[in-house]
PDB file of N, CA and C in Angstrom:
ATOM      1  N   MET A   1      39.877 158.443 -35.260  1.00  0.00           N
ATOM      2  CA  MET A   1      38.708 158.097 -36.037  1.00  0.00           C
ATOM      3  C   MET A   1      39.109 158.045 -37.511  1.00  0.00           C
ATOM      4  N   ALA A   2      38.557 157.121 -38.240  1.00  0.00           N
ATOM      5  CA  ALA A   2      38.867 156.961 -39.653  1.00  0.00           C
ATOM      6  C   ALA A   2      38.170 158.033 -40.487  1.00  0.00           C
ATOM      7  N   THR A   3      38.780 158.344 -41.614  1.00  0.00           N
ATOM      8  CA  THR A   3      38.147 159.293 -42.531  1.00  0.00           C
ATOM      9  C   THR A   3      37.112 158.557 -43.360  1.00  0.00           C
ATOM     10  N   ALA A   4      36.311 159.312 -44.098  1.00  0.00           N
ATOM     11  CA  ALA A   4      35.261 158.698 -44.921  1.00  0.00           C
ATOM     12  C   ALA A   4      35.856 157.718 -45.927  1.00  0.00           C
ATOM     13  N   ALA A   5      37.046 158.021 -46.447  1.00  0.00           N
ATOM     14  CA  ALA A   5      37.675 157.143 -47.431  1.00  0.00           C
ATOM     15  C   ALA A   5      38.131 155.835 -46.795  1.00  0.00           C
ATOM     16  N   ASP A   6      38.438 155.852 -45.480  1.00  0.00           N
ATOM     17  CA  ASP A   6      38.901 154.655 -44.783  1.00  0.00           C
ATOM     18  C   ASP A   6      37.768 153.798 -44.250  1.00  0.00           C
ATOM     19  N   THR A   7      36.556 154.318 -44.221  1.00  0.00           N
ATOM     20  CA  THR A   7      35.423 153.594 -43.648  1.00  0.00           C
ATOM     21  C   THR A   7      35.069 152.398 -44.530  1.00  0.00           C
ATOM     22  N   LYS A   8      35.038 151.221 -43.909  1.00  0.00           N
ATOM     23  CA  LYS A   8      34.661 149.992 -44.619  1.00  0.00           C
ATOM     24  C   LYS A   8      33.158 149.807 -44.490  1.00  0.00           C
ATOM     25  N   VAL A   9      32.557 149.234 -45.530  1.00  0.00           N
ATOM     26  CA  VAL A   9      31.102 149.035 -45.530  1.00  0.00           C
ATOM     27  C   VAL A   9      30.805 147.544 -45.651  1.00  0.00           C
ATOM     28  N   GLY A  10      29.888 147.075 -44.786  1.00  0.00           N
ATOM     29  CA  GLY A  10      29.441 145.702 -44.818  1.00  0.00           C
ATOM     30  C   GLY A  10      27.929 145.658 -44.964  1.00  0.00           C
ATOM     31  N   LYS A  11      27.363 144.462 -44.817  1.00  0.00           N
ATOM     32  CA  LYS A  11      25.920 144.268 -44.946  1.00  0.00           C
ATOM     33  C   LYS A  11      25.389 143.451 -43.775  1.00  0.00           C
ATOM     34  N   VAL A  12      24.192 143.796 -43.318  1.00  0.00           N
ATOM     35  CA  VAL A  12      23.508 143.015 -42.292  1.00  0.00           C
ATOM     36  C   VAL A  12      23.116 141.680 -42.911  1.00  0.00           C
ATOM     37  N   ILE A  13      23.447 140.574 -42.239  1.00  0.00           N
ATOM     38  CA  ILE A  13      23.068 139.258 -42.770  1.00  0.00           C
ATOM     39  C   ILE A  13      22.076 138.531 -41.863  1.00  0.00           C
ATOM     40  N   GLN A  14      21.971 138.966 -40.586  1.00  0.00           N
ATOM     41  CA  GLN A  14      21.027 138.318 -39.676  1.00  0.00           C
ATOM     42  C   GLN A  14      20.734 139.248 -38.507  1.00  0.00           C
ATOM     43  N   VAL A  15      19.461 139.273 -38.088  1.00  0.00           N
ATOM     44  CA  VAL A  15      19.053 140.066 -36.930  1.00  0.00           C
ATOM     45  C   VAL A  15      18.234 139.170 -36.007  1.00  0.00           C
ATOM     46  N   ILE A  16      18.689 139.031 -34.760  1.00  0.00           N
ATOM     47  CA  ILE A  16      17.949 138.273 -33.752  1.00  0.00           C
ATOM     48  C   ILE A  16      17.896 139.160 -32.506  1.00  0.00           C
ATOM     49  N   GLY A  17      16.800 139.878 -32.336  1.00  0.00           N
ATOM     50  CA  GLY A  17      16.683 140.818 -31.215  1.00  0.00           C
ATOM     51  C   GLY A  17      17.769 141.878 -31.321  1.00  0.00           C
ATOM     52  N   PRO A  18      18.558 142.072 -30.265  1.00  0.00           N
ATOM     53  CA  PRO A  18      19.610 143.082 -30.303  1.00  0.00           C
ATOM     54  C   PRO A  18      20.899 142.603 -30.962  1.00  0.00           C
ATOM     55  N   VAL A  19      20.943 141.325 -31.345  1.00  0.00           N
ATOM     56  CA  VAL A  19      22.152 140.745 -31.945  1.00  0.00           C
ATOM     57  C   VAL A  19      22.066 140.860 -33.465  1.00  0.00           C
ATOM     58  N   ILE A  20      23.109 141.456 -34.063  1.00  0.00           N
ATOM     59  CA  ILE A  20      23.144 141.671 -35.515  1.00  0.00           C
ATOM     60  C   ILE A  20      24.427 141.060 -36.058  1.00  0.00           C
ATOM     61  N   ASP A  21      24.306 140.176 -37.034  1.00  0.00           N
ATOM     62  CA  ASP A  21      25.474 139.621 -37.710  1.00  0.00           C
ATOM     63  C   ASP A  21      25.715 140.428 -38.977  1.00  0.00           C
ATOM     64  N   VAL A  22      26.985 140.753 -39.201  1.00  0.00           N
ATOM     65  CA  VAL A  22      27.376 141.617 -40.317  1.00  0.00           C
ATOM     66  C   VAL A  22      28.480 140.943 -41.114  1.00  0.00           C
ATOM     67  N   GLU A  23      28.429 141.077 -42.437  1.00  0.00           N
ATOM     68  CA  GLU A  23      29.455 140.516 -43.308  1.00  0.00           C
ATOM     69  C   GLU A  23      30.177 141.645 -44.042  1.00  0.00           C
ATOM     70  N   PHE A  24      31.507 141.608 -43.993  1.00  0.00           N
ATOM     71  CA  PHE A  24      32.352 142.557 -44.714  1.00  0.00           C
ATOM     72  C   PHE A  24      33.094 141.805 -45.800  1.00  0.00           C
ATOM     73  N   GLU A  25      33.324 142.452 -46.930  1.00  0.00           N
ATOM     74  CA  GLU A  25      34.035 141.814 -48.041  1.00  0.00           C
ATOM     75  C   GLU A  25      35.523 142.118 -47.966  1.00  0.00           C
ATOM     76  N   GLY A  26      36.295 141.355 -48.714  1.00  0.00           N
ATOM     77  CA  GLY A  26      37.725 141.611 -48.824  1.00  0.00           C
ATOM     78  C   GLY A  26      38.521 141.212 -47.596  1.00  0.00           C
ATOM     79  N   GLY A  27      37.967 140.340 -46.757  1.00  0.00           N
ATOM     80  CA  GLY A  27      38.697 139.880 -45.585  1.00  0.00           C
ATOM     81  C   GLY A  27      38.749 140.869 -44.436  1.00  0.00           C
ATOM     82  N   HIS A  28      38.031 141.977 -44.534  1.00  0.00           N
ATOM     83  CA  HIS A  28      38.038 142.977 -43.461  1.00  0.00           C
ATOM     84  C   HIS A  28      37.220 142.498 -42.275  1.00  0.00           C
ATOM     85  N   LEU A  29      37.789 142.594 -41.081  1.00  0.00           N
ATOM     86  CA  LEU A  29      37.069 142.313 -39.843  1.00  0.00           C
ATOM     87  C   LEU A  29      37.329 143.465 -38.877  1.00  0.00           C
ATOM     88  N   PRO A  30      36.284 144.150 -38.405  1.00  0.00           N
ATOM     89  CA  PRO A  30      36.496 145.187 -37.399  1.00  0.00           C
ATOM     90  C   PRO A  30      37.017 144.542 -36.110  1.00  0.00           C
ATOM     91  N   ASN A  31      37.789 145.282 -35.352  1.00  0.00           N
ATOM     92  CA  ASN A  31      38.304 144.770 -34.082  1.00  0.00           C
ATOM     93  C   ASN A  31      37.162 144.534 -33.101  1.00  0.00           C
ATOM     94  N   ILE A  32      37.377 143.582 -32.200  1.00  0.00           N
ATOM     95  CA  ILE A  32      36.413 143.346 -31.120  1.00  0.00           C
ATOM     96  C   ILE A  32      36.302 144.646 -30.313  1.00  0.00           C
ATOM     97  N   TYR A  33      35.115 144.970 -29.878  1.00  0.00           N
ATOM     98  CA  TYR A  33      34.755 146.184 -29.130  1.00  0.00           C
ATOM     99  C   TYR A  33      34.744 147.449 -29.981  1.00  0.00           C
ATOM    100  N   ASN A  34      34.976 147.341 -31.289  1.00  0.00           N
ATOM    101  CA  ASN A  34      34.827 148.511 -32.160  1.00  0.00           C
ATOM    102  C   ASN A  34      33.345 148.797 -32.386  1.00  0.00           C
ATOM    103  N   ALA A  35      33.047 150.042 -32.664  1.00  0.00           N
ATOM    104  CA  ALA A  35      31.686 150.442 -33.016  1.00  0.00           C
ATOM    105  C   ALA A  35      31.480 150.244 -34.503  1.00  0.00           C
ATOM    106  N   VAL A  36      30.306 149.803 -34.885  1.00  0.00           N
ATOM    107  CA  VAL A  36      29.871 149.818 -36.279  1.00  0.00           C
ATOM    108  C   VAL A  36      28.501 150.473 -36.292  1.00  0.00           C
ATOM    109  N   ARG A  37      28.152 151.073 -37.405  1.00  0.00           N
ATOM    110  CA  ARG A  37      26.896 151.832 -37.479  1.00  0.00           C
ATOM    111  C   ARG A  37      26.054 151.298 -38.637  1.00  0.00           C
ATOM    112  N   VAL A  38      24.820 150.876 -38.306  1.00  0.00           N
ATOM    113  CA  VAL A  38      23.867 150.429 -39.322  1.00  0.00           C
ATOM    114  C   VAL A  38      23.085 151.650 -39.776  1.00  0.00           C
ATOM    115  N   VAL A  39      23.120 151.918 -41.077  1.00  0.00           N
ATOM    116  CA  VAL A  39      22.418 153.084 -41.623  1.00  0.00           C
ATOM    117  C   VAL A  39      21.552 152.660 -42.798  1.00  0.00           C
ATOM    118  N   GLY A  40      20.437 153.354 -42.951  1.00  0.00           N
ATOM    119  CA  GLY A  40      19.549 153.051 -44.062  1.00  0.00           C
ATOM    120  C   GLY A  40      18.213 153.747 -43.897  1.00  0.00           C
ATOM    121  N   THR A  41      17.320 153.490 -44.830  1.00  0.00           N
ATOM    122  CA  THR A  41      15.980 154.065 -44.803  1.00  0.00           C
ATOM    123  C   THR A  41      14.971 152.944 -45.000  1.00  0.00           C
ATOM    124  N   LEU A  42      13.966 152.915 -44.135  1.00  0.00           N
ATOM    125  CA  LEU A  42      12.903 151.919 -44.261  1.00  0.00           C
ATOM    126  C   LEU A  42      11.965 152.289 -45.400  1.00  0.00           C
ATOM    127  N   GLN A  43      11.106 151.364 -45.795  1.00  0.00           N
ATOM    128  CA  GLN A  43      10.139 151.624 -46.864  1.00  0.00           C
ATOM    129  C   GLN A  43       9.168 152.729 -46.473  1.00  0.00           C
ATOM    130  N   THR A  44       8.986 152.932 -45.163  1.00  0.00           N
ATOM    131  CA  THR A  44       8.092 153.986 -44.683  1.00  0.00           C
ATOM    132  C   THR A  44       8.744 155.369 -44.747  1.00  0.00           C
ATOM    133  N   GLY A  45      10.040 155.404 -45.079  1.00  0.00           N
ATOM    134  CA  GLY A  45      10.770 156.666 -45.135  1.00  0.00           C
ATOM    135  C   GLY A  45      11.521 156.982 -43.854  1.00  0.00           C
ATOM    136  N   GLU A  46      11.307 156.175 -42.808  1.00  0.00           N
ATOM    137  CA  GLU A  46      11.992 156.385 -41.538  1.00  0.00           C
ATOM    138  C   GLU A  46      13.476 156.028 -41.674  1.00  0.00           C
ATOM    139  N   LYS A  47      14.328 156.895 -41.157  1.00  0.00           N
ATOM    140  CA  LYS A  47      15.768 156.657 -41.228  1.00  0.00           C
ATOM    141  C   LYS A  47      16.214 155.777 -40.065  1.00  0.00           C
ATOM    142  N   ILE A  48      17.134 154.854 -40.364  1.00  0.00           N
ATOM    143  CA  ILE A  48      17.708 153.962 -39.361  1.00  0.00           C
ATOM    144  C   ILE A  48      19.164 154.382 -39.150  1.00  0.00           C
ATOM    145  N   ASP A  49      19.566 154.530 -37.899  1.00  0.00           N
ATOM    146  CA  ASP A  49      20.952 154.823 -37.539  1.00  0.00           C
ATOM    147  C   ASP A  49      21.200 154.188 -36.177  1.00  0.00           C
ATOM    148  N   ILE A  50      21.756 152.973 -36.183  1.00  0.00           N
ATOM    149  CA  ILE A  50      21.945 152.201 -34.963  1.00  0.00           C
ATOM    150  C   ILE A  50      23.432 151.918 -34.771  1.00  0.00           C
ATOM    151  N   VAL A  51      23.950 152.303 -33.624  1.00  0.00           N
ATOM    152  CA  VAL A  51      25.337 152.001 -33.276  1.00  0.00           C
ATOM    153  C   VAL A  51      25.367 150.635 -32.603  1.00  0.00           C
ATOM    154  N   CYS A  52      26.322 149.806 -33.024  1.00  0.00           N
ATOM    155  CA  CYS A  52      26.493 148.468 -32.474  1.00  0.00           C
ATOM    156  C   CYS A  52      27.944 148.287 -32.051  1.00  0.00           C
ATOM    157  N   GLU A  53      28.175 147.338 -31.149  1.00  0.00           N
ATOM    158  CA  GLU A  53      29.534 147.013 -30.723  1.00  0.00           C
ATOM    159  C   GLU A  53      29.861 145.601 -31.161  1.00  0.00           C
ATOM    160  N   VAL A  54      31.033 145.425 -31.792  1.00  0.00           N
ATOM    161  CA  VAL A  54      31.481 144.105 -32.243  1.00  0.00           C
ATOM    162  C   VAL A  54      31.850 143.280 -31.019  1.00  0.00           C
ATOM    163  N   GLU A  55      31.270 142.080 -30.915  1.00  0.00           N
ATOM    164  CA  GLU A  55      31.515 141.205 -29.770  1.00  0.00           C
ATOM    165  C   GLU A  55      32.250 139.922 -30.140  1.00  0.00           C
ATOM    166  N   GLN A  56      32.122 139.489 -31.409  1.00  0.00           N
ATOM    167  CA  GLN A  56      32.705 138.202 -31.777  1.00  0.00           C
ATOM    168  C   GLN A  56      33.032 138.166 -33.259  1.00  0.00           C
ATOM    169  N   HIS A  57      34.185 137.568 -33.594  1.00  0.00           N
ATOM    170  CA  HIS A  57      34.517 137.280 -34.987  1.00  0.00           C
ATOM    171  C   HIS A  57      33.984 135.887 -35.305  1.00  0.00           C
ATOM    172  N   LEU A  58      33.180 135.789 -36.350  1.00  0.00           N
ATOM    173  CA  LEU A  58      32.572 134.511 -36.725  1.00  0.00           C
ATOM    174  C   LEU A  58      33.344 133.805 -37.828  1.00  0.00           C
ATOM    175  N   GLY A  59      34.283 134.501 -38.467  1.00  0.00           N
ATOM    176  CA  GLY A  59      35.026 133.938 -39.589  1.00  0.00           C
ATOM    177  C   GLY A  59      34.348 134.281 -40.897  1.00  0.00           C
ATOM    178  N   GLU A  60      35.068 134.070 -42.004  1.00  0.00           N
ATOM    179  CA  GLU A  60      34.555 134.333 -43.351  1.00  0.00           C
ATOM    180  C   GLU A  60      34.058 135.767 -43.507  1.00  0.00           C
ATOM    181  N   GLY A  61      34.740 136.725 -42.865  1.00  0.00           N
ATOM    182  CA  GLY A  61      34.379 138.134 -43.011  1.00  0.00           C
ATOM    183  C   GLY A  61      33.137 138.537 -42.239  1.00  0.00           C
ATOM    184  N   ARG A  62      32.734 137.731 -41.266  1.00  0.00           N
ATOM    185  CA  ARG A  62      31.503 138.012 -40.505  1.00  0.00           C
ATOM    186  C   ARG A  62      31.814 138.309 -39.045  1.00  0.00           C
ATOM    187  N   VAL A  63      31.030 139.236 -38.487  1.00  0.00           N
ATOM    188  CA  VAL A  63      31.148 139.558 -37.069  1.00  0.00           C
ATOM    189  C   VAL A  63      29.766 139.555 -36.442  1.00  0.00           C
ATOM    190  N   ARG A  64      29.741 139.303 -35.125  1.00  0.00           N
ATOM    191  CA  ARG A  64      28.491 139.375 -34.361  1.00  0.00           C
ATOM    192  C   ARG A  64      28.562 140.643 -33.513  1.00  0.00           C
ATOM    193  N   THR A  65      27.495 141.427 -33.564  1.00  0.00           N
ATOM    194  CA  THR A  65      27.456 142.697 -32.847  1.00  0.00           C
ATOM    195  C   THR A  65      26.233 142.754 -31.945  1.00  0.00           C
ATOM    196  N   VAL A  66      26.259 143.699 -31.008  1.00  0.00           N
ATOM    197  CA  VAL A  66      25.113 143.959 -30.140  1.00  0.00           C
ATOM    198  C   VAL A  66      24.713 145.411 -30.340  1.00  0.00           C
ATOM    199  N   ALA A  67      23.433 145.628 -30.620  1.00  0.00           N
ATOM    200  CA  ALA A  67      22.910 146.971 -30.878  1.00  0.00           C
ATOM    201  C   ALA A  67      22.758 147.742 -29.575  1.00  0.00           C
ATOM    202  N   MET A  68      22.973 149.045 -29.639  1.00  0.00           N
ATOM    203  CA  MET A  68      22.847 149.910 -28.473  1.00  0.00           C
ATOM    204  C   MET A  68      21.461 150.550 -28.363  1.00  0.00           C
ATOM    205  N   LYS A  69      20.569 150.233 -29.295  1.00  0.00           N
ATOM    206  CA  LYS A  69      19.179 150.684 -29.205  1.00  0.00           C
ATOM    207  C   LYS A  69      18.315 149.678 -29.955  1.00  0.00           C
ATOM    208  N   PRO A  70      16.987 149.767 -29.878  1.00  0.00           N
ATOM    209  CA  PRO A  70      16.119 148.762 -30.508  1.00  0.00           C
ATOM    210  C   PRO A  70      16.392 148.593 -32.004  1.00  0.00           C
ATOM    211  N   THR A  71      16.210 147.364 -32.474  1.00  0.00           N
ATOM    212  CA  THR A  71      16.484 147.029 -33.875  1.00  0.00           C
ATOM    213  C   THR A  71      15.205 146.912 -34.696  1.00  0.00           C
ATOM    214  N   ASP A  72      14.126 147.485 -34.212  1.00  0.00           N
ATOM    215  CA  ASP A  72      12.850 147.420 -34.929  1.00  0.00           C
ATOM    216  C   ASP A  72      13.012 147.941 -36.354  1.00  0.00           C
ATOM    217  N   GLY A  73      12.545 147.158 -37.317  1.00  0.00           N
ATOM    218  CA  GLY A  73      12.581 147.574 -38.710  1.00  0.00           C
ATOM    219  C   GLY A  73      13.863 147.241 -39.437  1.00  0.00           C
ATOM    220  N   LEU A  74      14.882 146.785 -38.732  1.00  0.00           N
ATOM    221  CA  LEU A  74      16.155 146.444 -39.367  1.00  0.00           C
ATOM    222  C   LEU A  74      15.953 145.277 -40.326  1.00  0.00           C
ATOM    223  N   GLN A  75      16.620 145.334 -41.487  1.00  0.00           N
ATOM    224  CA  GLN A  75      16.440 144.300 -42.505  1.00  0.00           C
ATOM    225  C   GLN A  75      17.783 143.805 -42.996  1.00  0.00           C
ATOM    226  N   ARG A  76      17.805 142.556 -43.444  1.00  0.00           N
ATOM    227  CA  ARG A  76      19.027 142.025 -44.066  1.00  0.00           C
ATOM    228  C   ARG A  76      19.368 142.865 -45.288  1.00  0.00           C
ATOM    229  N   GLY A  77      20.654 143.034 -45.509  1.00  0.00           N
ATOM    230  CA  GLY A  77      21.111 143.783 -46.677  1.00  0.00           C
ATOM    231  C   GLY A  77      21.369 145.254 -46.416  1.00  0.00           C
ATOM    232  N   MET A  78      20.986 145.760 -45.228  1.00  0.00           N
ATOM    233  CA  MET A  78      21.246 147.175 -44.929  1.00  0.00           C
ATOM    234  C   MET A  78      22.749 147.394 -44.771  1.00  0.00           C
ATOM    235  N   ASP A  79      23.211 148.600 -45.122  1.00  0.00           N
ATOM    236  CA  ASP A  79      24.626 148.937 -45.031  1.00  0.00           C
ATOM    237  C   ASP A  79      25.064 149.100 -43.585  1.00  0.00           C
ATOM    238  N   VAL A  80      26.294 148.663 -43.323  1.00  0.00           N
ATOM    239  CA  VAL A  80      26.916 148.811 -42.008  1.00  0.00           C
ATOM    240  C   VAL A  80      28.280 149.461 -42.231  1.00  0.00           C
ATOM    241  N   GLN A  81      28.541 150.553 -41.531  1.00  0.00           N
ATOM    242  CA  GLN A  81      29.805 151.274 -41.667  1.00  0.00           C
ATOM    243  C   GLN A  81      30.714 150.950 -40.489  1.00  0.00           C
ATOM    244  N   ASP A  82      31.995 150.716 -40.781  1.00  0.00           N
ATOM    245  CA  ASP A  82      32.994 150.502 -39.737  1.00  0.00           C
ATOM    246  C   ASP A  82      33.937 151.695 -39.731  1.00  0.00           C
ATOM    247  N   PRO A  83      33.763 152.622 -38.774  1.00  0.00           N
ATOM    248  CA  PRO A  83      34.640 153.788 -38.723  1.00  0.00           C
ATOM    249  C   PRO A  83      36.025 153.477 -38.163  1.00  0.00           C
ATOM    250  N   GLY A  84      36.225 152.271 -37.631  1.00  0.00           N
ATOM    251  CA  GLY A  84      37.547 151.873 -37.159  1.00  0.00           C
ATOM    252  C   GLY A  84      37.882 152.333 -35.753  1.00  0.00           C
ATOM    253  N   ALA A  85      36.885 152.589 -34.922  1.00  0.00           N
ATOM    254  CA  ALA A  85      37.126 153.041 -33.551  1.00  0.00           C
ATOM    255  C   ALA A  85      36.064 152.474 -32.629  1.00  0.00           C
ATOM    256  N   ALA A  86      36.353 152.506 -31.337  1.00  0.00           N
ATOM    257  CA  ALA A  86      35.395 152.042 -30.337  1.00  0.00           C
ATOM    258  C   ALA A  86      34.289 153.076 -30.138  1.00  0.00           C
ATOM    259  N   ILE A  87      33.233 152.670 -29.448  1.00  0.00           N
ATOM    260  CA  ILE A  87      32.161 153.605 -29.098  1.00  0.00           C
ATOM    261  C   ILE A  87      32.768 154.696 -28.216  1.00  0.00           C
ATOM    262  N   SER A  88      32.403 155.926 -28.497  1.00  0.00           N
ATOM    263  CA  SER A  88      32.920 157.031 -27.678  1.00  0.00           C
ATOM    264  C   SER A  88      31.767 157.945 -27.278  1.00  0.00           C
ATOM    265  N   VAL A  89      31.935 158.556 -26.129  1.00  0.00           N
ATOM    266  CA  VAL A  89      30.938 159.483 -25.599  1.00  0.00           C
ATOM    267  C   VAL A  89      31.659 160.760 -25.217  1.00  0.00           C
ATOM    268  N   PRO A  90      31.192 161.910 -25.694  1.00  0.00           N
ATOM    269  CA  PRO A  90      31.870 163.151 -25.334  1.00  0.00           C
ATOM    270  C   PRO A  90      31.738 163.421 -23.832  1.00  0.00           C
ATOM    271  N   VAL A  91      32.827 163.865 -23.241  1.00  0.00           N
ATOM    272  CA  VAL A  91      32.822 164.212 -21.823  1.00  0.00           C
ATOM    273  C   VAL A  91      33.477 165.575 -21.642  1.00  0.00           C
ATOM    274  N   GLY A  92      33.218 166.201 -20.543  1.00  0.00           N
ATOM    275  CA  GLY A  92      33.832 167.492 -20.269  1.00  0.00           C
ATOM    276  C   GLY A  92      33.144 168.160 -19.108  1.00  0.00           C
ATOM    277  N   PRO A  93      33.558 169.359 -18.806  1.00  0.00           N
ATOM    278  CA  PRO A  93      32.958 170.054 -17.678  1.00  0.00           C
ATOM    279  C   PRO A  93      31.478 170.335 -17.939  1.00  0.00           C
ATOM    280  N   ARG A  94      30.695 170.255 -16.864  1.00  0.00           N
ATOM    281  CA  ARG A  94      29.266 170.553 -17.000  1.00  0.00           C
ATOM    282  C   ARG A  94      29.069 172.026 -17.255  1.00  0.00           C
ATOM    283  N   ARG A  95      28.174 172.353 -18.120  1.00  0.00           N
ATOM    284  CA  ARG A  95      27.920 173.737 -18.462  1.00  0.00           C
ATOM    285  C   ARG A  95      26.600 174.232 -17.866  1.00  0.00           C
ATOM    286  N   SER A  96      25.932 173.354 -17.119  1.00  0.00           N
ATOM    287  CA  SER A  96      24.637 173.694 -16.545  1.00  0.00           C
ATOM    288  C   SER A  96      24.814 174.527 -15.279  1.00  0.00           C
ATOM    289  N   ALA A  97      23.970 175.514 -15.082  1.00  0.00           N
ATOM    290  CA  ALA A  97      24.008 176.357 -13.882  1.00  0.00           C
ATOM    291  C   ALA A  97      23.576 175.570 -12.650  1.00  0.00           C
ATOM    292  N   ALA A  98      22.915 174.429 -12.845  1.00  0.00           N
ATOM    293  CA  ALA A  98      22.409 173.646 -11.729  1.00  0.00           C
ATOM    294  C   ALA A  98      23.470 172.696 -11.164  1.00  0.00           C
ATOM    295  N   CYS A  99      24.704 172.791 -11.591  1.00  0.00           N
ATOM    296  CA  CYS A  99      25.764 171.882 -11.135  1.00  0.00           C
ATOM    297  C   CYS A  99      25.995 171.954  -9.658  1.00  0.00           C
TER     298      CYS A  99
END
């Protein structure tokens, strides 16, 4: 996983349902299947934190992503962070007594 200093930041440029197009500056393109995270705060004060997966390179520093949860309230111009890794889910032995 990348450190905070290595995290690249882009901007949302288009939202169509679960599909989000993101633009990064400086020629940076996250790898296909990497996770990117849309973060921000709506005018209502509600915090947005949506994990997306990069599906396509569009060129000119743009990528097409698919959101892993609803995109309600998402707006163009919101920050998108690229941590430089794929989506990950913690796994391990079950700790529940009901196993």
